[in-house]
Protein backbone atom coordinates (compact mmCIF):
# COMPACT_ATOMS: atom_id res chain seq x y z
CA UNK A 1 0.00 0.00 0.00
CA UNK A 2 2.83 2.39 0.90
CA UNK A 3 4.57 1.65 -2.41
CA UNK A 4 1.41 2.52 -4.37
CA UNK A 5 1.21 5.89 -2.59
CA UNK A 6 4.82 6.71 -3.58
CA UNK A 7 4.24 5.50 -7.15
CA UNK A 8 1.20 7.78 -7.52
CA UNK A 9 3.14 10.73 -6.07
CA UNK A 10 6.05 10.10 -8.47
CA UNK A 11 3.68 9.83 -11.44
CA UNK A 12 1.95 13.08 -10.47
CA UNK A 13 5.33 14.84 -10.23
CA UNK A 14 6.34 13.50 -13.65
CA UNK A 15 3.07 14.58 -15.27
CA UNK A 16 3.26 18.04 -13.70
CA UNK A 17 6.81 18.51 -14.91
CA UNK A 18 6.01 17.33 -18.43
CA UNK A 19 3.16 19.85 -18.73
CA UNK A 20 5.67 22.71 -18.72
CA UNK A 21 8.03 21.16 -21.28
CA UNK A 22 6.37 22.93 -24.22
CA UNK A 23 6.84 26.32 -22.55
CA UNK A 24 10.46 25.56 -21.69
CA UNK A 25 11.34 24.52 -25.24
CA UNK A 26 11.33 28.22 -26.20
CA UNK A 27 14.10 28.84 -23.64
CA UNK A 28 16.08 25.90 -24.96
CA UNK A 29 16.31 27.48 -28.43
CA UNK A 30 18.37 30.32 -26.95
CA UNK A 31 21.86 30.00 -28.43
CA UNK A 32 23.49 32.04 -25.64
CA UNK A 33 25.30 30.64 -22.62
CA UNK A 34 23.99 27.59 -20.81
CA UNK A 35 21.85 27.85 -17.72
CA UNK A 36 22.65 26.24 -14.39
CA UNK A 37 19.70 24.76 -12.51
CA UNK A 38 18.92 23.45 -9.07
CA UNK A 39 16.80 20.40 -9.75
CA UNK A 40 14.69 18.07 -7.64
CA UNK A 41 14.25 14.39 -8.34
CA UNK A 42 11.98 11.56 -7.22
CA UNK A 43 11.74 7.90 -8.04
CA UNK A 44 12.56 4.45 -6.76
CA UNK A 45 15.67 2.63 -5.62
CA UNK A 46 15.97 -1.10 -6.31
CA UNK A 47 18.55 -2.85 -4.08
CA UNK A 48 20.56 -5.55 -5.85
CA UNK A 49 21.32 -7.48 -2.65
CA UNK A 50 18.65 -10.10 -1.85
CA UNK A 51 19.03 -9.61 1.93
CA UNK A 52 18.23 -5.87 1.67
CA UNK A 53 15.32 -6.62 -0.71
CA UNK A 54 13.90 -9.16 1.75
CA UNK A 55 14.10 -6.67 4.62
CA UNK A 56 12.81 -3.53 2.83
CA UNK A 57 11.02 -4.78 -0.33
CA UNK A 58 12.34 -4.48 -3.85
CA UNK A 59 11.52 -0.77 -4.34
CA UNK A 60 12.51 1.99 -1.90
CA UNK A 61 11.54 5.67 -2.43
CA UNK A 62 14.37 8.04 -3.38
CA UNK A 63 14.43 11.84 -3.52
CA UNK A 64 17.28 14.08 -4.49
CA UNK A 65 18.70 17.41 -5.59
CA UNK A 66 21.09 18.21 -8.41
CA UNK A 67 23.10 21.21 -9.60
CA UNK A 68 23.57 20.93 -13.32
CA UNK A 69 23.81 22.84 -16.59
CA UNK A 70 21.89 20.54 -18.90
CA UNK A 71 21.68 23.18 -21.64
CA UNK A 72 25.43 23.28 -22.34
CA UNK A 73 26.76 22.41 -25.73
CA UNK A 74 26.74 18.71 -26.50
CA UNK A 75 29.90 16.63 -26.87
CA UNK A 76 31.69 18.40 -24.01
CA UNK A 77 32.26 16.86 -20.58
CA UNK A 78 30.98 18.94 -17.65
CA UNK A 79 30.94 18.74 -13.86
CA UNK A 80 27.66 18.22 -11.95
CA UNK A 81 26.74 17.66 -8.30
CA UNK A 82 24.06 15.35 -6.90
CA UNK A 83 22.69 14.36 -3.50
CA UNK A 84 20.10 11.63 -3.05
CA UNK A 85 18.03 10.59 -0.05
CA UNK A 86 17.02 6.92 0.00
CA UNK A 87 14.73 5.95 2.86
CA UNK A 88 12.86 2.81 3.78
CA UNK A 89 11.11 1.34 6.80
CA UNK A 90 9.50 -2.05 7.36
CA UNK A 91 8.76 -4.31 10.36
CA UNK A 92 10.85 -2.28 12.80
CA UNK A 93 13.79 -1.95 10.41
CA UNK A 94 14.79 1.46 9.08
CA UNK A 95 17.22 2.53 6.43
CA UNK A 96 18.47 5.94 5.29
CA UNK A 97 21.32 6.52 2.85
CA UNK A 98 22.38 9.90 1.47
CA UNK A 99 24.96 9.59 -1.32
CA UNK A 100 26.54 12.84 -2.52
CA UNK A 101 28.62 12.77 -5.69
CA UNK A 102 30.57 14.94 -8.07
CA UNK A 103 30.09 13.65 -11.61
CA UNK A 104 31.41 14.21 -15.09
CA UNK A 105 28.72 14.02 -17.74
CA UNK A 106 28.29 14.40 -21.45
CA UNK A 107 25.19 15.31 -23.46
CA UNK A 108 24.71 14.00 -26.99
CA UNK A 109 22.79 15.66 -29.81
CA UNK A 110 22.28 19.37 -30.51
CA UNK A 111 20.95 22.09 -28.22
CA UNK A 112 18.03 22.55 -30.60
CA UNK A 113 16.90 18.92 -30.17
CA UNK A 114 13.79 18.42 -28.05
CA UNK A 115 15.25 15.28 -26.46
CA UNK A 116 18.92 14.50 -25.87
CA UNK A 117 20.57 11.44 -24.29
CA UNK A 118 23.36 11.83 -21.74
CA UNK A 119 25.76 9.83 -19.55
CA UNK A 120 27.34 10.66 -16.17
CA UNK A 121 29.94 9.00 -13.94
CA UNK A 122 30.41 10.11 -10.34
CA UNK A 123 32.29 9.45 -7.10
CA UNK A 124 31.73 10.75 -3.60
CA UNK A 125 30.64 9.81 -0.13
CA UNK A 126 27.48 8.64 1.59
CA UNK A 127 25.89 9.01 5.01
CA UNK A 128 24.15 5.94 6.45
CA UNK A 129 21.66 5.76 9.32
CA UNK A 130 20.03 2.39 9.83
CA UNK A 131 18.66 -0.05 12.37
CA UNK A 132 18.38 -3.52 10.86
CA UNK A 133 17.82 -6.96 12.33
CA UNK A 134 19.66 -9.48 10.18
CA UNK A 135 17.16 -12.25 9.34
CA UNK A 136 19.77 -15.04 9.24
CA UNK A 137 21.15 -14.43 12.76
CA UNK A 138 18.60 -12.20 14.52
CA UNK A 139 21.44 -9.79 15.34
CA UNK A 140 20.49 -6.09 15.47
CA UNK A 141 22.72 -3.48 13.79
CA UNK A 142 22.23 0.24 14.49
CA UNK A 143 24.71 2.58 12.85
CA UNK A 144 25.20 6.20 11.84
CA UNK A 145 28.35 6.54 9.73
CA UNK A 146 29.94 7.71 6.51
CA UNK A 147 31.10 5.52 3.64
CA UNK A 148 31.98 5.77 -0.03
CA UNK A 149 29.79 5.88 -3.12
CA UNK A 150 30.09 5.90 -6.89
CA UNK A 151 27.54 5.89 -9.68
CA UNK A 152 26.98 5.55 -13.41
CA UNK A 153 23.90 7.18 -14.96
CA UNK A 154 22.24 7.23 -18.37
CA UNK A 155 19.22 9.30 -19.22
CA UNK A 156 17.21 11.47 -21.52
CA UNK A 157 16.81 15.25 -21.28
CA UNK A 158 13.37 16.39 -22.45
CA UNK A 159 13.06 20.10 -23.19
CA UNK A 160 15.11 22.29 -20.90
CA UNK A 161 13.85 21.21 -17.50
CA UNK A 162 12.83 17.54 -17.45
CA UNK A 163 15.20 14.59 -17.19
CA UNK A 164 14.44 10.85 -16.96
CA UNK A 165 17.30 8.63 -15.80
CA UNK A 166 18.51 5.20 -14.73
CA UNK A 167 21.50 4.97 -12.41
CA UNK A 168 23.52 2.28 -10.70
CA UNK A 169 24.51 3.44 -7.21
CA UNK A 170 27.47 1.65 -5.60
CA UNK A 171 27.99 1.87 -1.84
CA UNK A 172 30.85 0.56 0.27
CA UNK A 173 29.60 -2.20 2.58
CA UNK A 174 28.64 -1.26 6.14
CA UNK A 175 28.32 -4.04 8.78
CA UNK A 176 28.62 -6.40 5.80
CA UNK A 177 25.33 -5.04 4.34
CA UNK A 178 25.53 -4.35 0.60
CA UNK A 179 23.11 -1.49 -0.06
CA UNK A 180 24.09 -0.88 -3.70
CA UNK A 181 21.33 -0.84 -6.31
CA UNK A 182 19.61 0.65 -9.33
CA UNK A 183 17.67 3.88 -9.31
CA UNK A 184 14.96 5.12 -11.72
CA UNK A 185 14.07 8.80 -11.33
CA UNK A 186 12.53 11.85 -12.94
CA UNK A 187 14.27 15.20 -12.34
CA UNK A 188 12.70 18.61 -12.75
CA UNK A 189 15.08 21.58 -13.06
CA UNK A 190 13.31 23.91 -10.65
CA UNK A 191 15.42 27.05 -10.09
CA UNK A 192 17.58 28.72 -12.75
CA UNK A 193 20.57 30.79 -11.63
C-alpha atoms as a PDB file:
ATOM      1  CA  UNK A   1       0.000   0.000   0.000  1.00  0.00           C
ATOM      2  CA  UNK A   2       2.830   2.395   0.901  1.00  0.00           C
ATOM      3  CA  UNK A   3       4.575   1.653  -2.412  1.00  0.00           C
ATOM      4  CA  UNK A   4       1.413   2.522  -4.365  1.00  0.00           C
ATOM      5  CA  UNK A   5       1.209   5.890  -2.592  1.00  0.00           C
ATOM      6  CA  UNK A   6       4.820   6.709  -3.580  1.00  0.00           C
ATOM      7  CA  UNK A   7       4.237   5.504  -7.151  1.00  0.00           C
ATOM      8  CA  UNK A   8       1.203   7.776  -7.518  1.00  0.00           C
ATOM      9  CA  UNK A   9       3.136  10.733  -6.071  1.00  0.00           C
ATOM     10  CA  UNK A  10       6.051  10.101  -8.471  1.00  0.00           C
ATOM     11  CA  UNK A  11       3.684   9.827 -11.436  1.00  0.00           C
ATOM     12  CA  UNK A  12       1.954  13.079 -10.474  1.00  0.00           C
ATOM     13  CA  UNK A  13       5.332  14.842 -10.231  1.00  0.00           C
ATOM     14  CA  UNK A  14       6.343  13.505 -13.648  1.00  0.00           C
ATOM     15  CA  UNK A  15       3.067  14.576 -15.273  1.00  0.00           C
ATOM     16  CA  UNK A  16       3.256  18.038 -13.699  1.00  0.00           C
ATOM     17  CA  UNK A  17       6.812  18.506 -14.909  1.00  0.00           C
ATOM     18  CA  UNK A  18       6.012  17.330 -18.429  1.00  0.00           C
ATOM     19  CA  UNK A  19       3.156  19.850 -18.730  1.00  0.00           C
ATOM     20  CA  UNK A  20       5.666  22.710 -18.722  1.00  0.00           C
ATOM     21  CA  UNK A  21       8.028  21.165 -21.277  1.00  0.00           C
ATOM     22  CA  UNK A  22       6.371  22.929 -24.218  1.00  0.00           C
ATOM     23  CA  UNK A  23       6.840  26.318 -22.548  1.00  0.00           C
ATOM     24  CA  UNK A  24      10.457  25.558 -21.692  1.00  0.00           C
ATOM     25  CA  UNK A  25      11.337  24.519 -25.239  1.00  0.00           C
ATOM     26  CA  UNK A  26      11.333  28.219 -26.202  1.00  0.00           C
ATOM     27  CA  UNK A  27      14.096  28.844 -23.638  1.00  0.00           C
ATOM     28  CA  UNK A  28      16.083  25.903 -24.963  1.00  0.00           C
ATOM     29  CA  UNK A  29      16.315  27.477 -28.429  1.00  0.00           C
ATOM     30  CA  UNK A  30      18.369  30.320 -26.947  1.00  0.00           C
ATOM     31  CA  UNK A  31      21.857  30.005 -28.425  1.00  0.00           C
ATOM     32  CA  UNK A  32      23.492  32.039 -25.639  1.00  0.00           C
ATOM     33  CA  UNK A  33      25.297  30.635 -22.621  1.00  0.00           C
ATOM     34  CA  UNK A  34      23.990  27.587 -20.811  1.00  0.00           C
ATOM     35  CA  UNK A  35      21.847  27.846 -17.720  1.00  0.00           C
ATOM     36  CA  UNK A  36      22.650  26.243 -14.385  1.00  0.00           C
ATOM     37  CA  UNK A  37      19.696  24.758 -12.509  1.00  0.00           C
ATOM     38  CA  UNK A  38      18.924  23.452  -9.066  1.00  0.00           C
ATOM     39  CA  UNK A  39      16.795  20.398  -9.753  1.00  0.00           C
ATOM     40  CA  UNK A  40      14.687  18.072  -7.639  1.00  0.00           C
ATOM     41  CA  UNK A  41      14.252  14.388  -8.344  1.00  0.00           C
ATOM     42  CA  UNK A  42      11.983  11.562  -7.223  1.00  0.00           C
ATOM     43  CA  UNK A  43      11.745   7.901  -8.040  1.00  0.00           C
ATOM     44  CA  UNK A  44      12.563   4.450  -6.761  1.00  0.00           C
ATOM     45  CA  UNK A  45      15.667   2.632  -5.621  1.00  0.00           C
ATOM     46  CA  UNK A  46      15.971  -1.099  -6.307  1.00  0.00           C
ATOM     47  CA  UNK A  47      18.549  -2.849  -4.076  1.00  0.00           C
ATOM     48  CA  UNK A  48      20.558  -5.548  -5.848  1.00  0.00           C
ATOM     49  CA  UNK A  49      21.318  -7.475  -2.646  1.00  0.00           C
ATOM     50  CA  UNK A  50      18.654 -10.097  -1.846  1.00  0.00           C
ATOM     51  CA  UNK A  51      19.027  -9.611   1.935  1.00  0.00           C
ATOM     52  CA  UNK A  52      18.227  -5.871   1.672  1.00  0.00           C
ATOM     53  CA  UNK A  53      15.322  -6.616  -0.708  1.00  0.00           C
ATOM     54  CA  UNK A  54      13.896  -9.157   1.747  1.00  0.00           C
ATOM     55  CA  UNK A  55      14.100  -6.665   4.616  1.00  0.00           C
ATOM     56  CA  UNK A  56      12.806  -3.530   2.834  1.00  0.00           C
ATOM     57  CA  UNK A  57      11.025  -4.780  -0.333  1.00  0.00           C
ATOM     58  CA  UNK A  58      12.343  -4.479  -3.853  1.00  0.00           C
ATOM     59  CA  UNK A  59      11.517  -0.765  -4.338  1.00  0.00           C
ATOM     60  CA  UNK A  60      12.508   1.993  -1.897  1.00  0.00           C
ATOM     61  CA  UNK A  61      11.538   5.674  -2.425  1.00  0.00           C
ATOM     62  CA  UNK A  62      14.365   8.039  -3.380  1.00  0.00           C
ATOM     63  CA  UNK A  63      14.429  11.838  -3.524  1.00  0.00           C
ATOM     64  CA  UNK A  64      17.277  14.081  -4.491  1.00  0.00           C
ATOM     65  CA  UNK A  65      18.697  17.413  -5.594  1.00  0.00           C
ATOM     66  CA  UNK A  66      21.090  18.208  -8.414  1.00  0.00           C
ATOM     67  CA  UNK A  67      23.096  21.214  -9.599  1.00  0.00           C
ATOM     68  CA  UNK A  68      23.575  20.934 -13.324  1.00  0.00           C
ATOM     69  CA  UNK A  69      23.806  22.840 -16.588  1.00  0.00           C
ATOM     70  CA  UNK A  70      21.887  20.542 -18.902  1.00  0.00           C
ATOM     71  CA  UNK A  71      21.682  23.177 -21.640  1.00  0.00           C
ATOM     72  CA  UNK A  72      25.426  23.276 -22.335  1.00  0.00           C
ATOM     73  CA  UNK A  73      26.756  22.413 -25.729  1.00  0.00           C
ATOM     74  CA  UNK A  74      26.739  18.706 -26.505  1.00  0.00           C
ATOM     75  CA  UNK A  75      29.898  16.634 -26.869  1.00  0.00           C
ATOM     76  CA  UNK A  76      31.692  18.401 -24.006  1.00  0.00           C
ATOM     77  CA  UNK A  77      32.260  16.864 -20.577  1.00  0.00           C
ATOM     78  CA  UNK A  78      30.978  18.939 -17.653  1.00  0.00           C
ATOM     79  CA  UNK A  79      30.937  18.743 -13.859  1.00  0.00           C
ATOM     80  CA  UNK A  80      27.660  18.220 -11.951  1.00  0.00           C
ATOM     81  CA  UNK A  81      26.739  17.658  -8.303  1.00  0.00           C
ATOM     82  CA  UNK A  82      24.057  15.354  -6.903  1.00  0.00           C
ATOM     83  CA  UNK A  83      22.694  14.355  -3.505  1.00  0.00           C
ATOM     84  CA  UNK A  84      20.095  11.627  -3.052  1.00  0.00           C
ATOM     85  CA  UNK A  85      18.025  10.594  -0.053  1.00  0.00           C
ATOM     86  CA  UNK A  86      17.022   6.922   0.002  1.00  0.00           C
ATOM     87  CA  UNK A  87      14.728   5.951   2.855  1.00  0.00           C
ATOM     88  CA  UNK A  88      12.864   2.808   3.783  1.00  0.00           C
ATOM     89  CA  UNK A  89      11.110   1.342   6.804  1.00  0.00           C
ATOM     90  CA  UNK A  90       9.499  -2.048   7.360  1.00  0.00           C
ATOM     91  CA  UNK A  91       8.760  -4.309  10.356  1.00  0.00           C
ATOM     92  CA  UNK A  92      10.849  -2.277  12.798  1.00  0.00           C
ATOM     93  CA  UNK A  93      13.795  -1.953  10.408  1.00  0.00           C
ATOM     94  CA  UNK A  94      14.788   1.464   9.077  1.00  0.00           C
ATOM     95  CA  UNK A  95      17.217   2.533   6.425  1.00  0.00           C
ATOM     96  CA  UNK A  96      18.469   5.940   5.290  1.00  0.00           C
ATOM     97  CA  UNK A  97      21.319   6.522   2.847  1.00  0.00           C
ATOM     98  CA  UNK A  98      22.375   9.901   1.470  1.00  0.00           C
ATOM     99  CA  UNK A  99      24.955   9.595  -1.318  1.00  0.00           C
ATOM    100  CA  UNK A 100      26.537  12.838  -2.525  1.00  0.00           C
ATOM    101  CA  UNK A 101      28.618  12.769  -5.690  1.00  0.00           C
ATOM    102  CA  UNK A 102      30.573  14.944  -8.074  1.00  0.00           C
ATOM    103  CA  UNK A 103      30.089  13.654 -11.611  1.00  0.00           C
ATOM    104  CA  UNK A 104      31.413  14.207 -15.086  1.00  0.00           C
ATOM    105  CA  UNK A 105      28.716  14.015 -17.736  1.00  0.00           C
ATOM    106  CA  UNK A 106      28.292  14.401 -21.448  1.00  0.00           C
ATOM    107  CA  UNK A 107      25.191  15.306 -23.456  1.00  0.00           C
ATOM    108  CA  UNK A 108      24.710  13.998 -26.986  1.00  0.00           C
ATOM    109  CA  UNK A 109      22.786  15.658 -29.809  1.00  0.00           C
ATOM    110  CA  UNK A 110      22.283  19.372 -30.513  1.00  0.00           C
ATOM    111  CA  UNK A 111      20.950  22.089 -28.215  1.00  0.00           C
ATOM    112  CA  UNK A 112      18.025  22.550 -30.597  1.00  0.00           C
ATOM    113  CA  UNK A 113      16.895  18.924 -30.168  1.00  0.00           C
ATOM    114  CA  UNK A 114      13.793  18.421 -28.048  1.00  0.00           C
ATOM    115  CA  UNK A 115      15.249  15.282 -26.461  1.00  0.00           C
ATOM    116  CA  UNK A 116      18.923  14.501 -25.869  1.00  0.00           C
ATOM    117  CA  UNK A 117      20.570  11.437 -24.293  1.00  0.00           C
ATOM    118  CA  UNK A 118      23.357  11.826 -21.740  1.00  0.00           C
ATOM    119  CA  UNK A 119      25.757   9.834 -19.551  1.00  0.00           C
ATOM    120  CA  UNK A 120      27.336  10.656 -16.168  1.00  0.00           C
ATOM    121  CA  UNK A 121      29.938   8.999 -13.940  1.00  0.00           C
ATOM    122  CA  UNK A 122      30.413  10.109 -10.345  1.00  0.00           C
ATOM    123  CA  UNK A 123      32.286   9.453  -7.102  1.00  0.00           C
ATOM    124  CA  UNK A 124      31.732  10.749  -3.604  1.00  0.00           C
ATOM    125  CA  UNK A 125      30.640   9.809  -0.125  1.00  0.00           C
ATOM    126  CA  UNK A 126      27.484   8.641   1.591  1.00  0.00           C
ATOM    127  CA  UNK A 127      25.889   9.010   5.007  1.00  0.00           C
ATOM    128  CA  UNK A 128      24.155   5.938   6.450  1.00  0.00           C
ATOM    129  CA  UNK A 129      21.663   5.756   9.317  1.00  0.00           C
ATOM    130  CA  UNK A 130      20.031   2.389   9.831  1.00  0.00           C
ATOM    131  CA  UNK A 131      18.660  -0.055  12.374  1.00  0.00           C
ATOM    132  CA  UNK A 132      18.384  -3.516  10.856  1.00  0.00           C
ATOM    133  CA  UNK A 133      17.819  -6.960  12.332  1.00  0.00           C
ATOM    134  CA  UNK A 134      19.659  -9.480  10.179  1.00  0.00           C
ATOM    135  CA  UNK A 135      17.164 -12.254   9.342  1.00  0.00           C
ATOM    136  CA  UNK A 136      19.774 -15.043   9.245  1.00  0.00           C
ATOM    137  CA  UNK A 137      21.150 -14.426  12.759  1.00  0.00           C
ATOM    138  CA  UNK A 138      18.605 -12.197  14.516  1.00  0.00           C
ATOM    139  CA  UNK A 139      21.441  -9.788  15.337  1.00  0.00           C
ATOM    140  CA  UNK A 140      20.494  -6.092  15.473  1.00  0.00           C
ATOM    141  CA  UNK A 141      22.720  -3.475  13.794  1.00  0.00           C
ATOM    142  CA  UNK A 142      22.234   0.243  14.485  1.00  0.00           C
ATOM    143  CA  UNK A 143      24.707   2.579  12.846  1.00  0.00           C
ATOM    144  CA  UNK A 144      25.204   6.196  11.844  1.00  0.00           C
ATOM    145  CA  UNK A 145      28.348   6.542   9.735  1.00  0.00           C
ATOM    146  CA  UNK A 146      29.938   7.708   6.505  1.00  0.00           C
ATOM    147  CA  UNK A 147      31.097   5.522   3.640  1.00  0.00           C
ATOM    148  CA  UNK A 148      31.981   5.768  -0.033  1.00  0.00           C
ATOM    149  CA  UNK A 149      29.791   5.881  -3.117  1.00  0.00           C
ATOM    150  CA  UNK A 150      30.093   5.896  -6.887  1.00  0.00           C
ATOM    151  CA  UNK A 151      27.545   5.890  -9.684  1.00  0.00           C
ATOM    152  CA  UNK A 152      26.975   5.553 -13.411  1.00  0.00           C
ATOM    153  CA  UNK A 153      23.895   7.183 -14.955  1.00  0.00           C
ATOM    154  CA  UNK A 154      22.236   7.233 -18.373  1.00  0.00           C
ATOM    155  CA  UNK A 155      19.224   9.304 -19.217  1.00  0.00           C
ATOM    156  CA  UNK A 156      17.208  11.469 -21.518  1.00  0.00           C
ATOM    157  CA  UNK A 157      16.808  15.248 -21.281  1.00  0.00           C
ATOM    158  CA  UNK A 158      13.371  16.394 -22.454  1.00  0.00           C
ATOM    159  CA  UNK A 159      13.062  20.103 -23.190  1.00  0.00           C
ATOM    160  CA  UNK A 160      15.113  22.293 -20.902  1.00  0.00           C
ATOM    161  CA  UNK A 161      13.853  21.214 -17.498  1.00  0.00           C
ATOM    162  CA  UNK A 162      12.827  17.536 -17.451  1.00  0.00           C
ATOM    163  CA  UNK A 163      15.198  14.588 -17.187  1.00  0.00           C
ATOM    164  CA  UNK A 164      14.439  10.855 -16.964  1.00  0.00           C
ATOM    165  CA  UNK A 165      17.304   8.634 -15.803  1.00  0.00           C
ATOM    166  CA  UNK A 166      18.509   5.205 -14.727  1.00  0.00           C
ATOM    167  CA  UNK A 167      21.499   4.973 -12.409  1.00  0.00           C
ATOM    168  CA  UNK A 168      23.523   2.280 -10.697  1.00  0.00           C
ATOM    169  CA  UNK A 169      24.514   3.436  -7.208  1.00  0.00           C
ATOM    170  CA  UNK A 170      27.471   1.652  -5.604  1.00  0.00           C
ATOM    171  CA  UNK A 171      27.995   1.867  -1.835  1.00  0.00           C
ATOM    172  CA  UNK A 172      30.846   0.561   0.270  1.00  0.00           C
ATOM    173  CA  UNK A 173      29.597  -2.197   2.584  1.00  0.00           C
ATOM    174  CA  UNK A 174      28.641  -1.265   6.140  1.00  0.00           C
ATOM    175  CA  UNK A 175      28.321  -4.041   8.783  1.00  0.00           C
ATOM    176  CA  UNK A 176      28.618  -6.400   5.799  1.00  0.00           C
ATOM    177  CA  UNK A 177      25.333  -5.036   4.339  1.00  0.00           C
ATOM    178  CA  UNK A 178      25.530  -4.347   0.601  1.00  0.00           C
ATOM    179  CA  UNK A 179      23.110  -1.491  -0.059  1.00  0.00           C
ATOM    180  CA  UNK A 180      24.089  -0.881  -3.700  1.00  0.00           C
ATOM    181  CA  UNK A 181      21.334  -0.841  -6.309  1.00  0.00           C
ATOM    182  CA  UNK A 182      19.611   0.652  -9.332  1.00  0.00           C
ATOM    183  CA  UNK A 183      17.666   3.884  -9.310  1.00  0.00           C
ATOM    184  CA  UNK A 184      14.956   5.117 -11.720  1.00  0.00           C
ATOM    185  CA  UNK A 185      14.074   8.798 -11.330  1.00  0.00           C
ATOM    186  CA  UNK A 186      12.533  11.847 -12.939  1.00  0.00           C
ATOM    187  CA  UNK A 187      14.270  15.196 -12.337  1.00  0.00           C
ATOM    188  CA  UNK A 188      12.700  18.612 -12.752  1.00  0.00           C
ATOM    189  CA  UNK A 189      15.076  21.579 -13.065  1.00  0.00           C
ATOM    190  CA  UNK A 190      13.308  23.911 -10.653  1.00  0.00           C
ATOM    191  CA  UNK A 191      15.417  27.050 -10.091  1.00  0.00           C
ATOM    192  CA  UNK A 192      17.585  28.716 -12.746  1.00  0.00           C
ATOM    193  CA  UNK A 193      20.568  30.786 -11.627  1.00  0.00           C
END
